[in-house]
Amino acid sequence: MLFLARFSSLTTSSDRYATCAAIRCLIAYAEGLEDCRIDVSVTEGAIVLSGSAASDQARQRAISIAGEYAGTRIINNIVCPS
């Protein structure tokens, strides 16, 4: 998987917007996540993932992608079917 440069600092609003946009794109185009509806935001320096995933495996993949790219704390608010 191709990852762009990491953003370890989310101190400016442009950093936050760029990081969220990059993670959204990586998740949107990742194999196996086609049926997911995941939003990305930043709260108090942490990446927040919310929305829905088709399976627990898809949810874990999205969390992994966000963590690898952002290099910061990830808050998981993604729901998936039981």
C-alpha atoms as a PDB file:
ATOM      1  CA  MET A   1       0.000   0.000   0.000  1.00  0.00           C
ATOM      2  CA  LEU A   2       1.279   3.448  -0.854  1.00  0.00           C
ATOM      3  CA  PHE A   3       1.368   5.868   2.057  1.00  0.00           C
ATOM      4  CA  LEU A   4       2.092   9.530   1.684  1.00  0.00           C
ATOM      5  CA  ALA A   5       4.310  11.388   4.144  1.00  0.00           C
ATOM      6  CA  ARG A   6       3.199  10.976   7.727  1.00  0.00           C
ATOM      7  CA  PHE A   7       1.779  13.848   9.726  1.00  0.00           C
ATOM      8  CA  SER A   8       2.790  13.440  13.328  1.00  0.00           C
ATOM      9  CA  SER A   9       1.795  17.001  14.175  1.00  0.00           C
ATOM     10  CA  LEU A  10      -1.854  17.998  14.093  1.00  0.00           C
ATOM     11  CA  THR A  11      -1.291  21.436  15.548  1.00  0.00           C
ATOM     12  CA  THR A  12      -2.562  23.670  12.758  1.00  0.00           C
ATOM     13  CA  SER A  13      -5.956  23.508  11.139  1.00  0.00           C
ATOM     14  CA  SER A  14      -4.356  22.947   7.725  1.00  0.00           C
ATOM     15  CA  ASP A  15      -2.472  19.927   9.159  1.00  0.00           C
ATOM     16  CA  ARG A  16      -5.721  18.552  10.561  1.00  0.00           C
ATOM     17  CA  TYR A  17      -7.633  19.036   7.307  1.00  0.00           C
ATOM     18  CA  ALA A  18      -4.840  17.555   5.201  1.00  0.00           C
ATOM     19  CA  THR A  19      -4.465  14.544   7.473  1.00  0.00           C
ATOM     20  CA  CYS A  20      -8.213  13.869   7.551  1.00  0.00           C
ATOM     21  CA  ALA A  21      -8.472  14.197   3.772  1.00  0.00           C
ATOM     22  CA  ALA A  22      -5.529  11.861   3.190  1.00  0.00           C
ATOM     23  CA  ILE A  23      -6.878   9.211   5.569  1.00  0.00           C
ATOM     24  CA  ARG A  24     -10.361   9.473   4.001  1.00  0.00           C
ATOM     25  CA  CYS A  25      -8.831   8.828   0.572  1.00  0.00           C
ATOM     26  CA  LEU A  26      -6.704   5.923   1.768  1.00  0.00           C
ATOM     27  CA  ILE A  27      -9.724   4.277   3.398  1.00  0.00           C
ATOM     28  CA  ALA A  28     -12.053   5.006   0.464  1.00  0.00           C
ATOM     29  CA  TYR A  29      -9.717   3.320  -2.027  1.00  0.00           C
ATOM     30  CA  ALA A  30      -8.489   0.459   0.163  1.00  0.00           C
ATOM     31  CA  GLU A  31      -9.336  -3.014  -1.010  1.00  0.00           C
ATOM     32  CA  GLY A  32     -12.040  -4.596   1.127  1.00  0.00           C
ATOM     33  CA  LEU A  33     -13.451  -1.292   2.386  1.00  0.00           C
ATOM     34  CA  GLU A  34     -15.710  -0.541  -0.592  1.00  0.00           C
ATOM     35  CA  ASP A  35     -18.932  -1.026   1.404  1.00  0.00           C
ATOM     36  CA  CYS A  36     -17.796   1.070   4.374  1.00  0.00           C
ATOM     37  CA  ARG A  37     -19.004   4.571   5.162  1.00  0.00           C
ATOM     38  CA  ILE A  38     -16.276   5.969   7.397  1.00  0.00           C
ATOM     39  CA  ASP A  39     -15.761   9.601   8.300  1.00  0.00           C
ATOM     40  CA  VAL A  40     -12.479  10.973   9.638  1.00  0.00           C
ATOM     41  CA  SER A  41     -12.058  13.925  11.989  1.00  0.00           C
ATOM     42  CA  VAL A  42      -9.580  15.226  14.556  1.00  0.00           C
ATOM     43  CA  THR A  43     -10.445  15.880  18.191  1.00  0.00           C
ATOM     44  CA  GLU A  44      -7.849  17.012  20.715  1.00  0.00           C
ATOM     45  CA  GLY A  45      -4.998  15.658  18.605  1.00  0.00           C
ATOM     46  CA  ALA A  46      -6.548  12.235  18.044  1.00  0.00           C
ATOM     47  CA  ILE A  47      -7.937  10.872  14.786  1.00  0.00           C
ATOM     48  CA  VAL A  48     -11.610   9.933  15.177  1.00  0.00           C
ATOM     49  CA  LEU A  49     -13.088   7.318  12.861  1.00  0.00           C
ATOM     50  CA  SER A  50     -16.869   7.090  12.790  1.00  0.00           C
ATOM     51  CA  GLY A  51     -19.507   5.560  10.568  1.00  0.00           C
ATOM     52  CA  SER A  52     -20.146   1.987   9.557  1.00  0.00           C
ATOM     53  CA  ALA A  53     -18.102  -0.948   8.294  1.00  0.00           C
ATOM     54  CA  ALA A  54     -19.322  -4.117   6.623  1.00  0.00           C
ATOM     55  CA  SER A  55     -17.423  -6.366   9.065  1.00  0.00           C
ATOM     56  CA  ASP A  56     -15.108  -6.330  12.046  1.00  0.00           C
ATOM     57  CA  GLN A  57     -12.233  -7.147   9.683  1.00  0.00           C
ATOM     58  CA  ALA A  58     -13.046  -4.037   7.604  1.00  0.00           C
ATOM     59  CA  ARG A  59     -13.235  -1.922  10.757  1.00  0.00           C
ATOM     60  CA  GLN A  60      -9.833  -3.164  11.916  1.00  0.00           C
ATOM     61  CA  ARG A  61      -8.343  -2.480   8.473  1.00  0.00           C
ATOM     62  CA  ALA A  62      -9.601   1.125   8.535  1.00  0.00           C
ATOM     63  CA  ILE A  63      -8.167   1.621  12.023  1.00  0.00           C
ATOM     64  CA  SER A  64      -4.846   0.162  10.880  1.00  0.00           C
ATOM     65  CA  ILE A  65      -4.678   2.445   7.837  1.00  0.00           C
ATOM     66  CA  ALA A  66      -5.406   5.538   9.936  1.00  0.00           C
ATOM     67  CA  GLY A  67      -2.868   4.539  12.585  1.00  0.00           C
ATOM     68  CA  GLU A  68      -0.106   3.827  10.088  1.00  0.00           C
ATOM     69  CA  TYR A  69      -0.640   7.127   8.312  1.00  0.00           C
ATOM     70  CA  ALA A  70      -1.253   9.488  11.223  1.00  0.00           C
ATOM     71  CA  GLY A  71       1.078   7.982  13.791  1.00  0.00           C
ATOM     72  CA  THR A  72      -1.168   9.280  16.575  1.00  0.00           C
ATOM     73  CA  ARG A  73      -3.984   8.067  18.797  1.00  0.00           C
ATOM     74  CA  ILE A  74      -7.025   6.639  16.969  1.00  0.00           C
ATOM     75  CA  ILE A  75     -10.522   6.785  18.446  1.00  0.00           C
ATOM     76  CA  ASN A  76     -12.762   4.099  16.974  1.00  0.00           C
ATOM     77  CA  ASN A  77     -16.459   4.955  16.694  1.00  0.00           C
ATOM     78  CA  ILE A  78     -17.065   2.648  13.710  1.00  0.00           C
ATOM     79  CA  VAL A  79     -20.015   0.298  14.047  1.00  0.00           C
ATOM     80  CA  CYS A  80     -20.448  -2.970  12.181  1.00  0.00           C
ATOM     81  CA  PRO A  81     -23.158  -5.637  12.123  1.00  0.00           C
ATOM     82  CA  SER A  82     -23.155  -8.059  15.017  1.00  0.00           C
END
